[in-house]
């Protein structure tokens, strides 16, 4: 099970981009994913060769990931009635 610190956007940015004081990181876009209206953020790492960007998506459990959450699908349920 992941801790709150491991689930934060900051920890995911550090994991994927490894920013240092000499390579600053900035948020370049904050919006909602079209498929599920959950937040998504574009983070940009400023490198000498040019900017490198990643999108992070907020999942239902509160984690931030580089892949979008699965879309919710309709489901049919059958319930046994009282006999």
PDB file of N, CA and C in Angstrom:
ATOM      1  N   UNK A   1       0.840  -1.172   0.000  1.00  0.00           N
ATOM      2  CA  UNK A   1       0.000   0.000   0.000  1.00  0.00           C
ATOM      3  C   UNK A   1       0.891   1.244   0.000  1.00  0.00           C
ATOM      4  N   UNK A   2       0.534   2.204  -0.784  1.00  0.00           N
ATOM      5  CA  UNK A   2       1.355   3.412  -0.872  1.00  0.00           C
ATOM      6  C   UNK A   2       0.950   4.416   0.196  1.00  0.00           C
ATOM      7  N   UNK A   3       1.927   5.172   0.651  1.00  0.00           N
ATOM      8  CA  UNK A   3       1.646   6.211   1.630  1.00  0.00           C
ATOM      9  C   UNK A   3       1.159   7.459   0.922  1.00  0.00           C
ATOM     10  N   UNK A   4       0.651   8.407   1.679  1.00  0.00           N
ATOM     11  CA  UNK A   4       0.189   9.663   1.098  1.00  0.00           C
ATOM     12  C   UNK A   4       1.282  10.394   0.357  1.00  0.00           C
ATOM     13  N   UNK A   5       2.511  10.331   0.883  1.00  0.00           N
ATOM     14  CA  UNK A   5       3.631  11.012   0.225  1.00  0.00           C
ATOM     15  C   UNK A   5       3.949  10.379  -1.123  1.00  0.00           C
ATOM     16  N   UNK A   6       3.823   9.045  -1.213  1.00  0.00           N
ATOM     17  CA  UNK A   6       4.092   8.354  -2.478  1.00  0.00           C
ATOM     18  C   UNK A   6       3.000   8.616  -3.511  1.00  0.00           C
ATOM     19  N   UNK A   7       1.825   9.029  -3.064  1.00  0.00           N
ATOM     20  CA  UNK A   7       0.698   9.259  -3.956  1.00  0.00           C
ATOM     21  C   UNK A   7       0.630  10.697  -4.448  1.00  0.00           C
ATOM     22  N   UNK A   8       1.423  11.570  -3.889  1.00  0.00           N
ATOM     23  CA  UNK A   8       1.329  12.990  -4.219  1.00  0.00           C
ATOM     24  C   UNK A   8       1.879  13.280  -5.608  1.00  0.00           C
ATOM     25  N   UNK A   9       1.426  14.376  -6.170  1.00  0.00           N
ATOM     26  CA  UNK A   9       1.923  14.806  -7.472  1.00  0.00           C
ATOM     27  C   UNK A   9       3.418  15.099  -7.391  1.00  0.00           C
ATOM     28  N   UNK A  10       3.838  15.717  -6.320  1.00  0.00           N
ATOM     29  CA  UNK A  10       5.262  16.037  -6.142  1.00  0.00           C
ATOM     30  C   UNK A  10       6.127  14.773  -6.190  1.00  0.00           C
ATOM     31  N   UNK A  11       5.711  13.726  -5.489  1.00  0.00           N
ATOM     32  CA  UNK A  11       6.515  12.498  -5.477  1.00  0.00           C
ATOM     33  C   UNK A  11       6.565  11.854  -6.857  1.00  0.00           C
ATOM     34  N   UNK A  12       5.474  11.931  -7.612  1.00  0.00           N
ATOM     35  CA  UNK A  12       5.473  11.369  -8.963  1.00  0.00           C
ATOM     36  C   UNK A  12       6.354  12.184  -9.913  1.00  0.00           C
ATOM     37  N   UNK A  13       6.336  13.498  -9.760  1.00  0.00           N
ATOM     38  CA  UNK A  13       7.210  14.349 -10.577  1.00  0.00           C
ATOM     39  C   UNK A  13       8.668  14.024 -10.270  1.00  0.00           C
ATOM     40  N   UNK A  14       8.999  13.885  -9.003  1.00  0.00           N
ATOM     41  CA  UNK A  14      10.375  13.549  -8.625  1.00  0.00           C
ATOM     42  C   UNK A  14      10.769  12.172  -9.143  1.00  0.00           C
ATOM     43  N   UNK A  15       9.832  11.228  -9.110  1.00  0.00           N
ATOM     44  CA  UNK A  15      10.106   9.873  -9.592  1.00  0.00           C
ATOM     45  C   UNK A  15      10.381   9.865 -11.097  1.00  0.00           C
ATOM     46  N   UNK A  16       9.545  10.546 -11.868  1.00  0.00           N
ATOM     47  CA  UNK A  16       9.650  10.493 -13.323  1.00  0.00           C
ATOM     48  C   UNK A  16      10.662  11.481 -13.899  1.00  0.00           C
ATOM     49  N   UNK A  17      10.774  12.646 -13.312  1.00  0.00           N
ATOM     50  CA  UNK A  17      11.603  13.691 -13.907  1.00  0.00           C
ATOM     51  C   UNK A  17      12.881  13.974 -13.141  1.00  0.00           C
ATOM     52  N   UNK A  18      12.929  13.617 -11.870  1.00  0.00           N
ATOM     53  CA  UNK A  18      14.126  13.835 -11.075  1.00  0.00           C
ATOM     54  C   UNK A  18      14.645  15.261 -11.115  1.00  0.00           C
ATOM     55  N   UNK A  19      13.798  16.261 -10.862  1.00  0.00           N
ATOM     56  CA  UNK A  19      14.265  17.641 -10.956  1.00  0.00           C
ATOM     57  C   UNK A  19      15.299  17.974  -9.888  1.00  0.00           C
ATOM     58  N   UNK A  20      16.181  18.890 -10.239  1.00  0.00           N
ATOM     59  CA  UNK A  20      17.156  19.422  -9.292  1.00  0.00           C
ATOM     60  C   UNK A  20      17.059  20.941  -9.353  1.00  0.00           C
ATOM     61  N   UNK A  21      17.800  21.600  -8.498  1.00  0.00           N
ATOM     62  CA  UNK A  21      17.760  23.065  -8.512  1.00  0.00           C
ATOM     63  C   UNK A  21      18.321  23.622  -9.818  1.00  0.00           C
ATOM     64  N   UNK A  22      19.176  22.843 -10.501  1.00  0.00           N
ATOM     65  CA  UNK A  22      19.735  23.322 -11.770  1.00  0.00           C
ATOM     66  C   UNK A  22      18.827  23.026 -12.967  1.00  0.00           C
ATOM     67  N   UNK A  23      17.840  22.146 -12.782  1.00  0.00           N
ATOM     68  CA  UNK A  23      16.867  21.863 -13.844  1.00  0.00           C
ATOM     69  C   UNK A  23      15.466  22.095 -13.296  1.00  0.00           C
ATOM     70  N   UNK A  24      14.987  23.312 -13.370  1.00  0.00           N
ATOM     71  CA  UNK A  24      13.692  23.627 -12.771  1.00  0.00           C
ATOM     72  C   UNK A  24      12.520  22.939 -13.469  1.00  0.00           C
ATOM     73  N   UNK A  25      11.457  22.765 -12.706  1.00  0.00           N
ATOM     74  CA  UNK A  25      10.215  22.164 -13.185  1.00  0.00           C
ATOM     75  C   UNK A  25       9.108  23.183 -12.998  1.00  0.00           C
ATOM     76  N   UNK A  26       8.168  23.194 -13.932  1.00  0.00           N
ATOM     77  CA  UNK A  26       7.023  24.098 -13.782  1.00  0.00           C
ATOM     78  C   UNK A  26       5.766  23.416 -14.289  1.00  0.00           C
ATOM     79  N   UNK A  27       4.639  23.844 -13.758  1.00  0.00           N
ATOM     80  CA  UNK A  27       3.334  23.393 -14.241  1.00  0.00           C
ATOM     81  C   UNK A  27       2.974  24.281 -15.418  1.00  0.00           C
ATOM     82  N   UNK A  28       2.733  23.673 -16.577  1.00  0.00           N
ATOM     83  CA  UNK A  28       2.403  24.464 -17.763  1.00  0.00           C
ATOM     84  C   UNK A  28       0.933  24.365 -18.141  1.00  0.00           C
ATOM     85  N   UNK A  29       0.225  23.416 -17.533  1.00  0.00           N
ATOM     86  CA  UNK A  29      -1.198  23.275 -17.857  1.00  0.00           C
ATOM     87  C   UNK A  29      -1.897  22.520 -16.745  1.00  0.00           C
ATOM     88  N   UNK A  30      -3.067  23.007 -16.365  1.00  0.00           N
ATOM     89  CA  UNK A  30      -3.925  22.310 -15.415  1.00  0.00           C
ATOM     90  C   UNK A  30      -5.312  22.295 -16.017  1.00  0.00           C
ATOM     91  N   UNK A  31      -5.857  21.110 -16.209  1.00  0.00           N
ATOM     92  CA  UNK A  31      -7.193  21.010 -16.804  1.00  0.00           C
ATOM     93  C   UNK A  31      -7.850  19.726 -16.332  1.00  0.00           C
ATOM     94  N   UNK A  32      -8.955  19.393 -16.962  1.00  0.00           N
ATOM     95  CA  UNK A  32      -9.661  18.151 -16.659  1.00  0.00           C
ATOM     96  C   UNK A  32      -9.652  17.265 -17.892  1.00  0.00           C
ATOM     97  N   UNK A  33      -9.453  15.967 -17.670  1.00  0.00           N
ATOM     98  CA  UNK A  33      -9.451  15.013 -18.776  1.00  0.00           C
ATOM     99  C   UNK A  33     -10.842  14.972 -19.399  1.00  0.00           C
ATOM    100  N   UNK A  34     -10.900  14.892 -20.706  1.00  0.00           N
ATOM    101  CA  UNK A  34     -12.189  14.896 -21.398  1.00  0.00           C
ATOM    102  C   UNK A  34     -13.023  13.662 -21.072  1.00  0.00           C
ATOM    103  N   UNK A  35     -12.373  12.520 -20.882  1.00  0.00           N
ATOM    104  CA  UNK A  35     -13.107  11.268 -20.709  1.00  0.00           C
ATOM    105  C   UNK A  35     -13.828  11.157 -19.372  1.00  0.00           C
ATOM    106  N   UNK A  36     -13.259  11.718 -18.306  1.00  0.00           N
ATOM    107  CA  UNK A  36     -13.856  11.505 -16.984  1.00  0.00           C
ATOM    108  C   UNK A  36     -13.882  12.750 -16.103  1.00  0.00           C
ATOM    109  N   UNK A  37     -13.448  13.860 -16.612  1.00  0.00           N
ATOM    110  CA  UNK A  37     -13.447  15.140 -15.893  1.00  0.00           C
ATOM    111  C   UNK A  37     -12.566  15.150 -14.647  1.00  0.00           C
ATOM    112  N   UNK A  38     -11.650  14.220 -14.536  1.00  0.00           N
ATOM    113  CA  UNK A  38     -10.695  14.231 -13.422  1.00  0.00           C
ATOM    114  C   UNK A  38      -9.525  15.143 -13.775  1.00  0.00           C
ATOM    115  N   UNK A  39      -8.888  15.746 -12.775  1.00  0.00           N
ATOM    116  CA  UNK A  39      -7.783  16.673 -13.050  1.00  0.00           C
ATOM    117  C   UNK A  39      -6.611  16.008 -13.772  1.00  0.00           C
ATOM    118  N   UNK A  40      -6.001  16.775 -14.652  1.00  0.00           N
ATOM    119  CA  UNK A  40      -4.734  16.366 -15.263  1.00  0.00           C
ATOM    120  C   UNK A  40      -3.836  17.596 -15.311  1.00  0.00           C
ATOM    121  N   UNK A  41      -2.541  17.352 -15.194  1.00  0.00           N
ATOM    122  CA  UNK A  41      -1.556  18.421 -15.100  1.00  0.00           C
ATOM    123  C   UNK A  41      -0.418  18.115 -16.062  1.00  0.00           C
ATOM    124  N   UNK A  42       0.046  19.142 -16.763  1.00  0.00           N
ATOM    125  CA  UNK A  42       1.246  18.987 -17.596  1.00  0.00           C
ATOM    126  C   UNK A  42       2.396  19.652 -16.854  1.00  0.00           C
ATOM    127  N   UNK A  43       3.435  18.866 -16.615  1.00  0.00           N
ATOM    128  CA  UNK A  43       4.630  19.329 -15.924  1.00  0.00           C
ATOM    129  C   UNK A  43       5.751  19.397 -16.950  1.00  0.00           C
ATOM    130  N   UNK A  44       6.521  20.466 -16.913  1.00  0.00           N
ATOM    131  CA  UNK A  44       7.601  20.645 -17.873  1.00  0.00           C
ATOM    132  C   UNK A  44       8.927  20.782 -17.143  1.00  0.00           C
ATOM    133  N   UNK A  45       9.890  20.006 -17.586  1.00  0.00           N
ATOM    134  CA  UNK A  45      11.251  20.062 -17.073  1.00  0.00           C
ATOM    135  C   UNK A  45      12.068  20.862 -18.072  1.00  0.00           C
ATOM    136  N   UNK A  46      12.729  21.910 -17.613  1.00  0.00           N
ATOM    137  CA  UNK A  46      13.491  22.781 -18.505  1.00  0.00           C
ATOM    138  C   UNK A  46      14.928  22.283 -18.619  1.00  0.00           C
ATOM    139  N   UNK A  47      15.235  21.656 -19.748  1.00  0.00           N
ATOM    140  CA  UNK A  47      16.566  21.104 -20.002  1.00  0.00           C
ATOM    141  C   UNK A  47      17.331  21.989 -20.972  1.00  0.00           C
ATOM    142  N   UNK A  48      18.665  21.916 -20.994  1.00  0.00           N
ATOM    143  CA  UNK A  48      19.444  22.700 -21.959  1.00  0.00           C
ATOM    144  C   UNK A  48      19.060  22.378 -23.414  1.00  0.00           C
ATOM    145  N   UNK A  49      18.689  21.124 -23.692  1.00  0.00           N
ATOM    146  CA  UNK A  49      18.304  20.723 -25.052  1.00  0.00           C
ATOM    147  C   UNK A  49      16.879  21.153 -25.406  1.00  0.00           C
ATOM    148  N   UNK A  50      16.141  21.630 -24.431  1.00  0.00           N
ATOM    149  CA  UNK A  50      14.756  22.042 -24.648  1.00  0.00           C
ATOM    150  C   UNK A  50      13.844  21.448 -23.586  1.00  0.00           C
ATOM    151  N   UNK A  51      12.603  21.911 -23.528  1.00  0.00           N
ATOM    152  CA  UNK A  51      11.682  21.435 -22.495  1.00  0.00           C
ATOM    153  C   UNK A  51      11.245  19.985 -22.729  1.00  0.00           C
ATOM    154  N   UNK A  52      11.023  19.273 -21.630  1.00  0.00           N
ATOM    155  CA  UNK A  52      10.521  17.907 -21.649  1.00  0.00           C
ATOM    156  C   UNK A  52       9.258  17.892 -20.806  1.00  0.00           C
ATOM    157  N   UNK A  53       8.133  17.506 -21.394  1.00  0.00           N
ATOM    158  CA  UNK A  53       6.866  17.556 -20.682  1.00  0.00           C
ATOM    159  C   UNK A  53       6.250  16.190 -20.452  1.00  0.00           C
ATOM    160  N   UNK A  54       5.544  16.082 -19.338  1.00  0.00           N
ATOM    161  CA  UNK A  54       4.798  14.883 -18.978  1.00  0.00           C
ATOM    162  C   UNK A  54       3.414  15.312 -18.523  1.00  0.00           C
ATOM    163  N   UNK A  55       2.407  14.476 -18.820  1.00  0.00           N
ATOM    164  CA  UNK A  55       1.075  14.669 -18.263  1.00  0.00           C
ATOM    165  C   UNK A  55       0.907  13.718 -17.090  1.00  0.00           C
ATOM    166  N   UNK A  56       0.292  14.217 -16.034  1.00  0.00           N
ATOM    167  CA  UNK A  56      -0.055  13.402 -14.881  1.00  0.00           C
ATOM    168  C   UNK A  56      -1.563  13.480 -14.700  1.00  0.00           C
ATOM    169  N   UNK A  57      -2.179  12.324 -14.436  1.00  0.00           N
ATOM    170  CA  UNK A  57      -3.629  12.221 -14.311  1.00  0.00           C
ATOM    171  C   UNK A  57      -3.993  11.799 -12.898  1.00  0.00           C
ATOM    172  N   UNK A  58      -5.007  12.444 -12.342  1.00  0.00           N
ATOM    173  CA  UNK A  58      -5.473  12.110 -10.993  1.00  0.00           C
ATOM    174  C   UNK A  58      -6.446  10.940 -11.084  1.00  0.00           C
ATOM    175  N   UNK A  59      -6.199   9.901 -10.296  1.00  0.00           N
ATOM    176  CA  UNK A  59      -7.054   8.723 -10.286  1.00  0.00           C
ATOM    177  C   UNK A  59      -8.037   8.789  -9.129  1.00  0.00           C
ATOM    178  N   UNK A  60      -9.038   7.946  -9.189  1.00  0.00           N
ATOM    179  CA  UNK A  60     -10.113   7.931  -8.188  1.00  0.00           C
ATOM    180  C   UNK A  60      -9.579   7.729  -6.769  1.00  0.00           C
ATOM    181  N   UNK A  61      -8.518   6.935  -6.613  1.00  0.00           N
ATOM    182  CA  UNK A  61      -7.971   6.664  -5.281  1.00  0.00           C
ATOM    183  C   UNK A  61      -7.056   7.774  -4.764  1.00  0.00           C
ATOM    184  N   UNK A  62      -6.929   8.858  -5.545  1.00  0.00           N
ATOM    185  CA  UNK A  62      -6.130   9.994  -5.106  1.00  0.00           C
ATOM    186  C   UNK A  62      -4.706  10.005  -5.628  1.00  0.00           C
ATOM    187  N   UNK A  63      -4.285   8.947  -6.302  1.00  0.00           N
ATOM    188  CA  UNK A  63      -2.930   8.899  -6.835  1.00  0.00           C
ATOM    189  C   UNK A  63      -2.824   9.686  -8.134  1.00  0.00           C
ATOM    190  N   UNK A  64      -1.611  10.091  -8.457  1.00  0.00           N
ATOM    191  CA  UNK A  64      -1.296  10.747  -9.727  1.00  0.00           C
ATOM    192  C   UNK A  64      -0.449   9.778 -10.530  1.00  0.00           C
ATOM    193  N   UNK A  65      -0.812   9.557 -11.800  1.00  0.00           N
ATOM    194  CA  UNK A  65      -0.094   8.623 -12.664  1.00  0.00           C
ATOM    195  C   UNK A  65       0.117   9.244 -14.033  1.00  0.00           C
ATOM    196  N   UNK A  66       1.072   8.688 -14.790  1.00  0.00           N
ATOM    197  CA  UNK A  66       1.332   9.193 -16.137  1.00  0.00           C
ATOM    198  C   UNK A  66       0.368   8.595 -17.160  1.00  0.00           C
ATOM    199  N   UNK A  67      -0.500   7.703 -16.734  1.00  0.00           N
ATOM    200  CA  UNK A  67      -1.522   7.156 -17.620  1.00  0.00           C
ATOM    201  C   UNK A  67      -2.899   7.558 -17.092  1.00  0.00           C
ATOM    202  N   UNK A  68      -3.859   7.797 -17.986  1.00  0.00           N
ATOM    203  CA  UNK A  68      -5.189   8.211 -17.534  1.00  0.00           C
ATOM    204  C   UNK A  68      -5.931   7.060 -16.866  1.00  0.00           C
ATOM    205  N   UNK A  69      -6.848   7.376 -15.962  1.00  0.00           N
ATOM    206  CA  UNK A  69      -7.635   6.322 -15.325  1.00  0.00           C
ATOM    207  C   UNK A  69      -8.575   5.677 -16.338  1.00  0.00           C
ATOM    208  N   UNK A  70      -8.954   4.444 -16.053  1.00  0.00           N
ATOM    209  CA  UNK A  70      -9.906   3.756 -16.918  1.00  0.00           C
ATOM    210  C   UNK A  70     -11.243   4.480 -16.863  1.00  0.00           C
ATOM    211  N   UNK A  71     -11.924   4.464 -17.987  1.00  0.00           N
ATOM    212  CA  UNK A  71     -13.251   5.075 -18.009  1.00  0.00           C
ATOM    213  C   UNK A  71     -14.231   4.147 -17.314  1.00  0.00           C
ATOM    214  N   UNK A  72     -15.185   4.743 -16.645  1.00  0.00           N
ATOM    215  CA  UNK A  72     -16.199   3.948 -15.966  1.00  0.00           C
ATOM    216  C   UNK A  72     -17.199   3.459 -16.999  1.00  0.00           C
ATOM    217  N   UNK A  73     -17.555   2.202 -16.870  1.00  0.00           N
ATOM    218  CA  UNK A  73     -18.497   1.601 -17.805  1.00  0.00           C
ATOM    219  C   UNK A  73     -19.789   1.275 -17.080  1.00  0.00           C
ATOM    220  N   UNK A  74     -20.867   1.306 -17.824  1.00  0.00           N
ATOM    221  CA  UNK A  74     -22.144   0.897 -17.259  1.00  0.00           C
ATOM    222  C   UNK A  74     -22.106  -0.594 -16.978  1.00  0.00           C
ATOM    223  N   UNK A  75     -22.736  -1.004 -15.916  1.00  0.00           N
ATOM    224  CA  UNK A  75     -22.771  -2.418 -15.560  1.00  0.00           C
ATOM    225  C   UNK A  75     -24.188  -2.804 -15.179  1.00  0.00           C
ATOM    226  N   UNK A  76     -24.538  -4.035 -15.490  1.00  0.00           N
ATOM    227  CA  UNK A  76     -25.859  -4.537 -15.140  1.00  0.00           C
ATOM    228  C   UNK A  76     -25.691  -5.498 -13.969  1.00  0.00           C
ATOM    229  N   UNK A  77     -26.525  -5.338 -12.966  1.00  0.00           N
ATOM    230  CA  UNK A  77     -26.464  -6.200 -11.794  1.00  0.00           C
ATOM    231  C   UNK A  77     -27.803  -6.900 -11.630  1.00  0.00           C
ATOM    232  N   UNK A  78     -27.764  -8.144 -11.176  1.00  0.00           N
ATOM    233  CA  UNK A  78     -28.982  -8.899 -10.880  1.00  0.00           C
ATOM    234  C   UNK A  78     -29.012  -9.144  -9.375  1.00  0.00           C
ATOM    235  N   UNK A  79     -30.135  -8.880  -8.774  1.00  0.00           N
ATOM    236  CA  UNK A  79     -30.300  -9.082  -7.340  1.00  0.00           C
ATOM    237  C   UNK A  79     -31.377 -10.129  -7.114  1.00  0.00           C
ATOM    238  N   UNK A  80     -31.131 -11.003  -6.168  1.00  0.00           N
ATOM    239  CA  UNK A  80     -32.111 -12.026  -5.841  1.00  0.00           C
ATOM    240  C   UNK A  80     -33.145 -11.412  -4.907  1.00  0.00           C
ATOM    241  N   UNK A  81     -34.397 -11.509  -5.278  1.00  0.00           N
ATOM    242  CA  UNK A  81     -35.472 -10.940  -4.466  1.00  0.00           C
ATOM    243  C   UNK A  81     -35.755 -11.783  -3.238  1.00  0.00           C
ATOM    244  N   UNK A  82     -36.430 -11.183  -2.269  1.00  0.00           N
ATOM    245  CA  UNK A  82     -36.799 -11.900  -1.046  1.00  0.00           C
ATOM    246  C   UNK A  82     -37.809 -12.983  -1.395  1.00  0.00           C
ATOM    247  N   UNK A  83     -37.596 -14.176  -0.906  1.00  0.00           N
ATOM    248  CA  UNK A  83     -38.398 -15.313  -1.317  1.00  0.00           C
ATOM    249  C   UNK A  83     -39.451 -15.644  -0.394  1.00  0.00           C
TER     250      UNK A  83
END
